[in-house]
Amino acid sequence: MLFENQQIATAALPSVETVQFQTLPPQALKLRTIGWCITQGFIFLVLIGVMLFGEVFKQKWPWIIVFGIWGLQAIYFFWMARRRFYREGYAVREKDIIHTKGYWLRTQLTVPYNRVQHVEIEQGPLARAFGLGGISVYTAGDSGGDLSISGIEYAEAERIKQFIAQKVGNDE
């Protein structure tokens, strides 16, 4: 038997840009904003605690510096969270699932169904209030190929899980 390994012209490969990505529902942005506000509130309370018991904070200028930096990072992360949200999407295709995210650092992860070990749906209390959930697709090995999409409608996550389970079951 003769082994062949023909070279393929990269121009002939299918383009990923032609994929129509499904965007996340608007409730997901609200959920992420609430989570972000809870995190920022916790950071704010920790800063207040440190400053009330810290000797250096008996003067006025350290308060201004610390809360100025906190305010700037809060505004920046709020702005970035919105930008990242509008750049996030996913596509369920016949043989794989694709998730794209990120603003400065764009990440696109494709998981073929023949590599899937199992699929899980997550839903915390806040997500439940918005009717949202997340889906995690776990692959074989430890190569960082696991895919996780949070903020999709819970019913949609269930449909995707059933579809992937059917595809994985048919491939065996």
N, C-alpha and C. Protein backbone atom coordinates (compact mmCIF):
# COMPACT_ATOMS: atom_id res chain seq x y z
N MET A 1 0.84 -1.16 0.00
CA MET A 1 0.00 0.00 0.00
C MET A 1 0.90 1.24 0.00
N LEU A 2 0.63 2.17 -0.90
CA LEU A 2 1.42 3.37 -1.06
C LEU A 2 0.80 4.50 -0.24
N PHE A 3 1.61 5.14 0.60
CA PHE A 3 1.13 6.27 1.40
C PHE A 3 1.23 7.54 0.58
N GLU A 4 0.12 8.28 0.51
CA GLU A 4 0.13 9.57 -0.19
C GLU A 4 -0.31 10.66 0.77
N ASN A 5 0.30 11.82 0.59
CA ASN A 5 -0.05 12.97 1.41
C ASN A 5 0.01 14.20 0.50
N GLN A 6 -1.06 14.40 -0.26
CA GLN A 6 -1.11 15.47 -1.25
C GLN A 6 -1.21 16.84 -0.57
N GLN A 7 -0.53 17.80 -1.15
CA GLN A 7 -0.60 19.17 -0.65
C GLN A 7 -1.90 19.80 -1.13
N ILE A 8 -2.51 20.61 -0.27
CA ILE A 8 -3.76 21.29 -0.59
C ILE A 8 -3.49 22.79 -0.65
N ALA A 9 -3.99 23.44 -1.67
CA ALA A 9 -3.84 24.89 -1.79
C ALA A 9 -4.73 25.55 -0.74
N THR A 10 -4.15 26.42 0.06
CA THR A 10 -4.93 27.06 1.13
C THR A 10 -6.02 27.96 0.58
N ALA A 11 -5.86 28.47 -0.63
CA ALA A 11 -6.90 29.31 -1.23
C ALA A 11 -8.16 28.51 -1.53
N ALA A 12 -8.03 27.20 -1.68
CA ALA A 12 -9.19 26.36 -1.99
C ALA A 12 -9.95 25.92 -0.74
N LEU A 13 -9.41 26.20 0.44
CA LEU A 13 -10.09 25.81 1.67
C LEU A 13 -11.33 26.67 1.89
N PRO A 14 -12.37 26.11 2.53
CA PRO A 14 -13.57 26.91 2.79
C PRO A 14 -13.28 28.03 3.78
N SER A 15 -13.96 29.14 3.60
CA SER A 15 -13.74 30.32 4.43
C SER A 15 -14.64 30.27 5.66
N VAL A 16 -14.06 30.54 6.82
CA VAL A 16 -14.84 30.57 8.06
C VAL A 16 -15.66 31.86 8.13
N GLU A 17 -15.22 32.91 7.44
CA GLU A 17 -15.94 34.17 7.48
C GLU A 17 -17.34 34.07 6.90
N THR A 18 -17.61 33.04 6.13
CA THR A 18 -18.94 32.88 5.55
C THR A 18 -19.94 32.31 6.56
N VAL A 19 -19.47 31.92 7.73
CA VAL A 19 -20.35 31.39 8.77
C VAL A 19 -21.17 32.53 9.36
N GLN A 20 -22.48 32.32 9.48
CA GLN A 20 -23.36 33.29 10.11
C GLN A 20 -23.45 32.96 11.60
N PHE A 21 -22.81 33.76 12.43
CA PHE A 21 -22.79 33.50 13.86
C PHE A 21 -24.09 33.98 14.50
N GLN A 22 -24.61 33.15 15.41
CA GLN A 22 -25.78 33.49 16.21
C GLN A 22 -25.31 34.40 17.34
N THR A 23 -25.95 35.54 17.51
CA THR A 23 -25.57 36.45 18.59
C THR A 23 -26.28 36.06 19.88
N LEU A 24 -25.77 36.55 20.98
CA LEU A 24 -26.39 36.28 22.27
C LEU A 24 -27.61 37.18 22.46
N PRO A 25 -28.61 36.73 23.22
CA PRO A 25 -29.80 37.56 23.44
C PRO A 25 -29.47 38.79 24.30
N PRO A 26 -30.27 39.86 24.19
CA PRO A 26 -30.01 41.07 24.97
C PRO A 26 -30.03 40.85 26.48
N GLN A 27 -30.80 39.85 26.94
CA GLN A 27 -30.84 39.56 28.37
C GLN A 27 -29.46 39.16 28.89
N ALA A 28 -28.64 38.58 28.03
CA ALA A 28 -27.29 38.15 28.44
C ALA A 28 -26.44 39.36 28.82
N LEU A 29 -26.60 40.47 28.10
CA LEU A 29 -25.85 41.68 28.44
C LEU A 29 -26.31 42.21 29.80
N LYS A 30 -27.62 42.17 30.04
CA LYS A 30 -28.14 42.60 31.35
C LYS A 30 -27.57 41.72 32.46
N LEU A 31 -27.57 40.42 32.24
CA LEU A 31 -27.05 39.48 33.23
C LEU A 31 -25.57 39.73 33.51
N ARG A 32 -24.79 39.92 32.46
CA ARG A 32 -23.36 40.19 32.64
C ARG A 32 -23.12 41.52 33.34
N THR A 33 -23.96 42.52 33.04
CA THR A 33 -23.83 43.82 33.68
C THR A 33 -24.12 43.71 35.18
N ILE A 34 -25.14 42.94 35.54
CA ILE A 34 -25.46 42.75 36.95
C ILE A 34 -24.31 42.03 37.65
N GLY A 35 -23.78 40.99 37.04
CA GLY A 35 -22.64 40.27 37.61
C GLY A 35 -21.44 41.18 37.76
N TRP A 36 -21.21 42.03 36.76
CA TRP A 36 -20.10 42.97 36.80
C TRP A 36 -20.30 43.96 37.95
N CYS A 37 -21.53 44.47 38.13
CA CYS A 37 -21.81 45.42 39.20
C CYS A 37 -21.61 44.79 40.58
N ILE A 38 -22.00 43.53 40.72
CA ILE A 38 -21.78 42.83 41.99
C ILE A 38 -20.29 42.72 42.28
N THR A 39 -19.51 42.37 41.27
CA THR A 39 -18.06 42.26 41.44
C THR A 39 -17.45 43.61 41.80
N GLN A 40 -17.85 44.67 41.10
CA GLN A 40 -17.31 46.00 41.38
C GLN A 40 -17.73 46.48 42.76
N GLY A 41 -18.96 46.15 43.18
CA GLY A 41 -19.42 46.50 44.52
C GLY A 41 -18.58 45.82 45.59
N PHE A 42 -18.24 44.56 45.37
CA PHE A 42 -17.40 43.83 46.31
C PHE A 42 -16.01 44.47 46.39
N ILE A 43 -15.44 44.80 45.24
CA ILE A 43 -14.12 45.46 45.23
C ILE A 43 -14.20 46.80 45.97
N PHE A 44 -15.27 47.54 45.75
CA PHE A 44 -15.47 48.83 46.41
C PHE A 44 -15.51 48.65 47.93
N LEU A 45 -16.25 47.65 48.40
CA LEU A 45 -16.35 47.41 49.85
C LEU A 45 -15.00 47.01 50.44
N VAL A 46 -14.24 46.19 49.72
CA VAL A 46 -12.91 45.81 50.18
C VAL A 46 -12.01 47.04 50.27
N LEU A 47 -12.08 47.91 49.27
CA LEU A 47 -11.28 49.14 49.30
C LEU A 47 -11.65 50.01 50.49
N ILE A 48 -12.94 50.15 50.74
CA ILE A 48 -13.39 50.95 51.89
C ILE A 48 -12.84 50.36 53.19
N GLY A 49 -12.94 49.02 53.32
CA GLY A 49 -12.43 48.35 54.52
C GLY A 49 -10.95 48.57 54.72
N VAL A 50 -10.18 48.43 53.66
CA VAL A 50 -8.73 48.63 53.75
C VAL A 50 -8.42 50.08 54.11
N MET A 51 -9.14 50.99 53.50
CA MET A 51 -8.85 52.41 53.72
C MET A 51 -9.26 52.88 55.12
N LEU A 52 -10.33 52.32 55.66
CA LEU A 52 -10.76 52.74 56.99
C LEU A 52 -9.79 52.29 58.08
N PHE A 53 -9.13 51.16 57.85
CA PHE A 53 -8.23 50.63 58.86
C PHE A 53 -6.76 50.86 58.52
N GLY A 54 -6.48 51.49 57.40
CA GLY A 54 -5.10 51.74 57.00
C GLY A 54 -4.60 53.07 57.54
N GLU A 55 -3.39 53.08 58.00
CA GLU A 55 -2.79 54.27 58.59
C GLU A 55 -2.53 55.34 57.53
N VAL A 56 -2.15 54.93 56.32
CA VAL A 56 -1.81 55.88 55.27
C VAL A 56 -3.04 56.67 54.79
N PHE A 57 -4.22 56.14 55.05
CA PHE A 57 -5.43 56.77 54.53
C PHE A 57 -6.03 57.79 55.49
N LYS A 58 -5.25 58.26 56.44
CA LYS A 58 -5.70 59.33 57.33
C LYS A 58 -5.72 60.66 56.58
N GLN A 59 -4.97 60.73 55.49
CA GLN A 59 -4.94 61.93 54.67
C GLN A 59 -5.94 61.79 53.52
N LYS A 60 -6.19 62.90 52.84
CA LYS A 60 -7.22 62.92 51.80
C LYS A 60 -6.72 62.37 50.46
N TRP A 61 -5.48 62.65 50.08
CA TRP A 61 -5.00 62.31 48.73
C TRP A 61 -4.99 60.82 48.43
N PRO A 62 -4.68 59.90 49.36
CA PRO A 62 -4.74 58.48 48.99
C PRO A 62 -6.16 58.03 48.62
N TRP A 63 -7.17 58.61 49.27
CA TRP A 63 -8.56 58.27 48.93
C TRP A 63 -8.85 58.67 47.48
N ILE A 64 -8.41 59.84 47.12
CA ILE A 64 -8.66 60.33 45.76
C ILE A 64 -7.96 59.44 44.74
N ILE A 65 -6.72 59.08 45.00
CA ILE A 65 -5.96 58.23 44.07
C ILE A 65 -6.61 56.85 43.94
N VAL A 66 -6.89 56.22 45.07
CA VAL A 66 -7.45 54.85 45.04
C VAL A 66 -8.81 54.83 44.35
N PHE A 67 -9.69 55.75 44.73
CA PHE A 67 -11.02 55.73 44.11
C PHE A 67 -11.01 56.26 42.69
N GLY A 68 -10.04 57.09 42.36
CA GLY A 68 -9.88 57.52 40.97
C GLY A 68 -9.48 56.34 40.09
N ILE A 69 -8.51 55.56 40.55
CA ILE A 69 -8.09 54.36 39.81
C ILE A 69 -9.24 53.36 39.72
N TRP A 70 -9.94 53.16 40.85
CA TRP A 70 -11.08 52.22 40.84
C TRP A 70 -12.14 52.68 39.85
N GLY A 71 -12.44 53.98 39.85
CA GLY A 71 -13.46 54.51 38.93
C GLY A 71 -13.06 54.35 37.47
N LEU A 72 -11.80 54.63 37.17
CA LEU A 72 -11.32 54.47 35.79
C LEU A 72 -11.38 53.02 35.33
N GLN A 73 -10.94 52.09 36.19
CA GLN A 73 -10.98 50.68 35.79
C GLN A 73 -12.43 50.21 35.67
N ALA A 74 -13.32 50.71 36.51
CA ALA A 74 -14.73 50.32 36.43
C ALA A 74 -15.34 50.78 35.11
N ILE A 75 -15.06 52.01 34.73
CA ILE A 75 -15.57 52.53 33.45
C ILE A 75 -14.99 51.74 32.29
N TYR A 76 -13.68 51.49 32.34
CA TYR A 76 -13.04 50.74 31.26
C TYR A 76 -13.63 49.34 31.13
N PHE A 77 -13.77 48.62 32.23
CA PHE A 77 -14.27 47.25 32.14
C PHE A 77 -15.75 47.21 31.76
N PHE A 78 -16.52 48.21 32.15
CA PHE A 78 -17.91 48.29 31.71
C PHE A 78 -17.97 48.50 30.20
N TRP A 79 -17.14 49.40 29.70
CA TRP A 79 -17.08 49.67 28.27
C TRP A 79 -16.62 48.43 27.51
N MET A 80 -15.58 47.76 28.03
CA MET A 80 -15.06 46.56 27.36
C MET A 80 -16.05 45.41 27.38
N ALA A 81 -16.79 45.26 28.47
CA ALA A 81 -17.77 44.18 28.55
C ALA A 81 -18.82 44.33 27.45
N ARG A 82 -19.25 45.55 27.20
CA ARG A 82 -20.23 45.79 26.13
C ARG A 82 -19.61 45.50 24.76
N ARG A 83 -18.38 45.91 24.54
CA ARG A 83 -17.72 45.66 23.25
C ARG A 83 -17.54 44.16 23.02
N ARG A 84 -17.09 43.45 24.05
CA ARG A 84 -16.92 41.99 23.93
C ARG A 84 -18.25 41.31 23.67
N PHE A 85 -19.31 41.77 24.32
CA PHE A 85 -20.62 41.15 24.15
C PHE A 85 -21.07 41.21 22.70
N TYR A 86 -20.90 42.35 22.06
CA TYR A 86 -21.36 42.51 20.68
C TYR A 86 -20.48 41.78 19.67
N ARG A 87 -19.32 41.32 20.10
CA ARG A 87 -18.44 40.55 19.22
C ARG A 87 -18.52 39.04 19.47
N GLU A 88 -19.38 38.62 20.38
CA GLU A 88 -19.47 37.20 20.72
C GLU A 88 -20.59 36.55 19.92
N GLY A 89 -20.34 35.31 19.48
CA GLY A 89 -21.35 34.57 18.75
C GLY A 89 -20.98 33.10 18.66
N TYR A 90 -21.93 32.33 18.18
CA TYR A 90 -21.70 30.89 18.03
C TYR A 90 -22.46 30.40 16.81
N ALA A 91 -22.00 29.27 16.29
CA ALA A 91 -22.65 28.65 15.14
C ALA A 91 -22.64 27.14 15.34
N VAL A 92 -23.81 26.54 15.20
CA VAL A 92 -23.93 25.09 15.26
C VAL A 92 -24.05 24.62 13.83
N ARG A 93 -23.09 23.82 13.42
CA ARG A 93 -23.09 23.33 12.04
C ARG A 93 -23.27 21.82 12.03
N GLU A 94 -23.29 21.26 10.86
CA GLU A 94 -23.55 19.83 10.69
C GLU A 94 -22.51 18.96 11.38
N LYS A 95 -21.24 19.36 11.32
CA LYS A 95 -20.17 18.51 11.85
C LYS A 95 -19.40 19.13 13.01
N ASP A 96 -19.69 20.40 13.36
CA ASP A 96 -18.96 21.04 14.45
C ASP A 96 -19.76 22.21 15.02
N ILE A 97 -19.22 22.74 16.11
CA ILE A 97 -19.78 23.94 16.73
C ILE A 97 -18.64 24.95 16.87
N ILE A 98 -18.93 26.21 16.59
CA ILE A 98 -17.92 27.28 16.62
C ILE A 98 -18.36 28.35 17.61
N HIS A 99 -17.42 28.84 18.40
CA HIS A 99 -17.68 29.94 19.32
C HIS A 99 -16.62 31.00 19.10
N THR A 100 -17.04 32.23 18.89
CA THR A 100 -16.10 33.33 18.70
C THR A 100 -16.37 34.39 19.76
N LYS A 101 -15.29 34.99 20.28
CA LYS A 101 -15.44 36.00 21.33
C LYS A 101 -14.20 36.86 21.38
N GLY A 102 -14.30 37.97 22.12
CA GLY A 102 -13.15 38.84 22.35
C GLY A 102 -13.23 40.13 21.57
N TYR A 103 -12.59 41.15 22.12
CA TYR A 103 -12.53 42.45 21.45
C TYR A 103 -11.10 42.73 21.03
N TRP A 104 -10.18 42.87 21.97
CA TRP A 104 -8.77 43.07 21.62
C TRP A 104 -8.15 41.76 21.15
N LEU A 105 -8.38 40.71 21.92
CA LEU A 105 -7.85 39.39 21.58
C LEU A 105 -9.00 38.51 21.13
N ARG A 106 -9.13 38.35 19.83
CA ARG A 106 -10.22 37.55 19.26
C ARG A 106 -9.87 36.07 19.38
N THR A 107 -10.84 35.29 19.83
CA THR A 107 -10.68 33.85 19.95
C THR A 107 -11.81 33.17 19.20
N GLN A 108 -11.45 32.21 18.41
CA GLN A 108 -12.47 31.41 17.71
C GLN A 108 -12.12 29.94 17.91
N LEU A 109 -13.03 29.22 18.54
CA LEU A 109 -12.79 27.82 18.85
C LEU A 109 -13.82 26.97 18.12
N THR A 110 -13.34 25.98 17.40
CA THR A 110 -14.19 25.04 16.68
C THR A 110 -13.99 23.66 17.27
N VAL A 111 -15.10 23.01 17.62
CA VAL A 111 -15.04 21.67 18.18
C VAL A 111 -15.83 20.73 17.26
N PRO A 112 -15.14 19.79 16.60
CA PRO A 112 -15.86 18.79 15.81
C PRO A 112 -16.56 17.80 16.73
N TYR A 113 -17.74 17.34 16.31
CA TYR A 113 -18.53 16.46 17.17
C TYR A 113 -17.84 15.13 17.45
N ASN A 114 -16.95 14.69 16.55
CA ASN A 114 -16.29 13.41 16.79
C ASN A 114 -15.24 13.49 17.91
N ARG A 115 -14.96 14.70 18.44
CA ARG A 115 -14.03 14.88 19.56
C ARG A 115 -14.75 15.10 20.89
N VAL A 116 -16.07 15.17 20.86
CA VAL A 116 -16.84 15.51 22.05
C VAL A 116 -16.92 14.32 23.00
N GLN A 117 -16.60 14.56 24.29
CA GLN A 117 -16.76 13.55 25.34
C GLN A 117 -18.15 13.66 25.97
N HIS A 118 -18.49 14.87 26.43
CA HIS A 118 -19.82 15.09 26.97
C HIS A 118 -20.17 16.58 26.93
N VAL A 119 -21.46 16.85 27.15
CA VAL A 119 -21.97 18.22 27.08
C VAL A 119 -22.74 18.50 28.37
N GLU A 120 -22.54 19.68 28.93
CA GLU A 120 -23.25 20.07 30.16
C GLU A 120 -23.93 21.41 29.95
N ILE A 121 -25.06 21.57 30.64
CA ILE A 121 -25.76 22.85 30.67
C ILE A 121 -25.66 23.40 32.08
N GLU A 122 -25.29 24.68 32.20
CA GLU A 122 -25.19 25.34 33.50
C GLU A 122 -26.24 26.44 33.58
N GLN A 123 -26.75 26.67 34.80
CA GLN A 123 -27.69 27.77 35.00
C GLN A 123 -27.66 28.18 36.47
N GLY A 124 -27.12 29.36 36.73
CA GLY A 124 -27.09 29.88 38.09
C GLY A 124 -28.39 30.60 38.43
N PRO A 125 -28.51 31.08 39.66
CA PRO A 125 -29.77 31.73 40.07
C PRO A 125 -30.08 33.00 39.28
N LEU A 126 -29.07 33.82 39.00
CA LEU A 126 -29.33 35.03 38.21
C LEU A 126 -29.70 34.68 36.77
N ALA A 127 -29.00 33.72 36.19
CA ALA A 127 -29.30 33.30 34.82
C ALA A 127 -30.71 32.72 34.74
N ARG A 128 -31.12 31.98 35.77
CA ARG A 128 -32.46 31.40 35.80
C ARG A 128 -33.52 32.51 35.78
N ALA A 129 -33.25 33.60 36.50
CA ALA A 129 -34.20 34.72 36.54
C ALA A 129 -34.38 35.35 35.16
N PHE A 130 -33.36 35.28 34.33
CA PHE A 130 -33.42 35.84 32.98
C PHE A 130 -33.77 34.79 31.93
N GLY A 131 -33.93 33.54 32.32
CA GLY A 131 -34.22 32.46 31.37
C GLY A 131 -33.02 32.08 30.53
N LEU A 132 -31.83 32.31 31.08
CA LEU A 132 -30.60 32.03 30.35
C LEU A 132 -29.83 30.89 30.98
N GLY A 133 -28.87 30.40 30.27
CA GLY A 133 -28.00 29.34 30.77
C GLY A 133 -26.72 29.34 29.97
N GLY A 134 -25.94 28.33 30.19
CA GLY A 134 -24.70 28.18 29.45
C GLY A 134 -24.52 26.73 29.06
N ILE A 135 -23.74 26.52 28.03
CA ILE A 135 -23.46 25.15 27.58
C ILE A 135 -21.96 24.98 27.50
N SER A 136 -21.48 23.85 27.98
CA SER A 136 -20.06 23.51 27.91
C SER A 136 -19.91 22.21 27.15
N VAL A 137 -19.04 22.23 26.15
CA VAL A 137 -18.77 21.05 25.33
C VAL A 137 -17.35 20.61 25.67
N TYR A 138 -17.22 19.42 26.24
CA TYR A 138 -15.92 18.90 26.67
C TYR A 138 -15.38 17.93 25.64
N THR A 139 -14.09 18.07 25.36
CA THR A 139 -13.44 17.23 24.36
C THR A 139 -12.50 16.24 25.03
N ALA A 140 -12.06 15.28 24.24
CA ALA A 140 -11.09 14.30 24.73
C ALA A 140 -9.73 14.97 24.88
N GLY A 141 -9.00 14.55 25.88
CA GLY A 141 -7.66 15.09 26.07
C GLY A 141 -7.67 16.36 26.89
N ASP A 142 -6.49 16.93 27.05
CA ASP A 142 -6.32 18.12 27.88
C ASP A 142 -5.67 19.22 27.06
N SER A 143 -6.13 19.40 25.84
CA SER A 143 -5.48 20.36 24.95
C SER A 143 -6.12 21.74 24.98
N GLY A 144 -7.06 21.97 25.90
CA GLY A 144 -7.71 23.27 25.96
C GLY A 144 -8.77 23.43 24.88
N GLY A 145 -9.28 22.34 24.36
CA GLY A 145 -10.27 22.39 23.30
C GLY A 145 -11.70 22.42 23.79
N ASP A 146 -11.91 22.60 25.10
CA ASP A 146 -13.27 22.66 25.61
C ASP A 146 -13.90 23.98 25.23
N LEU A 147 -15.17 23.94 24.88
CA LEU A 147 -15.89 25.12 24.42
C LEU A 147 -16.98 25.45 25.43
N SER A 148 -17.11 26.71 25.78
CA SER A 148 -18.11 27.14 26.75
C SER A 148 -18.79 28.40 26.25
N ILE A 149 -20.12 28.36 26.19
CA ILE A 149 -20.90 29.53 25.77
C ILE A 149 -21.85 29.86 26.91
N SER A 150 -21.73 31.04 27.47
CA SER A 150 -22.64 31.45 28.54
C SER A 150 -23.53 32.58 28.03
N GLY A 151 -24.75 32.62 28.57
CA GLY A 151 -25.67 33.69 28.21
C GLY A 151 -26.61 33.37 27.06
N ILE A 152 -26.77 32.10 26.73
CA ILE A 152 -27.75 31.76 25.69
C ILE A 152 -29.05 31.35 26.38
N GLU A 153 -30.13 31.41 25.64
CA GLU A 153 -31.42 31.02 26.20
C GLU A 153 -31.36 29.56 26.62
N TYR A 154 -31.96 29.26 27.77
CA TYR A 154 -31.87 27.92 28.33
C TYR A 154 -32.45 26.87 27.39
N ALA A 155 -33.58 27.19 26.76
CA ALA A 155 -34.20 26.24 25.82
C ALA A 155 -33.27 25.98 24.63
N GLU A 156 -32.59 27.02 24.19
CA GLU A 156 -31.63 26.88 23.09
C GLU A 156 -30.46 25.99 23.50
N ALA A 157 -29.99 26.17 24.73
CA ALA A 157 -28.90 25.32 25.24
C ALA A 157 -29.32 23.86 25.27
N GLU A 158 -30.55 23.61 25.68
CA GLU A 158 -31.05 22.22 25.70
C GLU A 158 -31.13 21.64 24.30
N ARG A 159 -31.59 22.44 23.34
CA ARG A 159 -31.66 21.97 21.94
C ARG A 159 -30.27 21.66 21.40
N ILE A 160 -29.31 22.52 21.68
CA ILE A 160 -27.94 22.30 21.22
C ILE A 160 -27.37 21.03 21.85
N LYS A 161 -27.61 20.85 23.14
CA LYS A 161 -27.11 19.66 23.83
C LYS A 161 -27.70 18.40 23.20
N GLN A 162 -28.99 18.40 22.94
CA GLN A 162 -29.65 17.23 22.33
C GLN A 162 -29.08 16.97 20.93
N PHE A 163 -28.88 18.03 20.17
CA PHE A 163 -28.35 17.89 18.81
C PHE A 163 -26.94 17.28 18.84
N ILE A 164 -26.09 17.81 19.73
CA ILE A 164 -24.72 17.30 19.82
C ILE A 164 -24.72 15.85 20.31
N ALA A 165 -25.56 15.55 21.30
CA ALA A 165 -25.64 14.17 21.80
C ALA A 165 -26.08 13.22 20.70
N GLN A 166 -27.00 13.66 19.87
CA GLN A 166 -27.45 12.84 18.74
C GLN A 166 -26.32 12.64 17.74
N LYS A 167 -25.58 13.71 17.44
CA LYS A 167 -24.47 13.61 16.50
C LYS A 167 -23.36 12.70 17.04
N VAL A 168 -23.05 12.84 18.32
CA VAL A 168 -22.01 12.01 18.93
C VAL A 168 -22.45 10.55 18.94
N GLY A 169 -23.72 10.31 19.22
CA GLY A 169 -24.25 8.95 19.22
C GLY A 169 -24.25 8.31 17.85
N ASN A 170 -24.48 9.11 16.80
CA ASN A 170 -24.50 8.60 15.43
C ASN A 170 -23.10 8.32 14.90
N ASP A 171 -22.10 9.04 15.43
CA ASP A 171 -20.73 8.86 14.93
C ASP A 171 -20.06 7.61 15.48
N GLU A 172 -20.60 7.05 16.56
CA GLU A 172 -19.96 5.88 17.18
C GLU A 172 -20.23 4.62 16.42
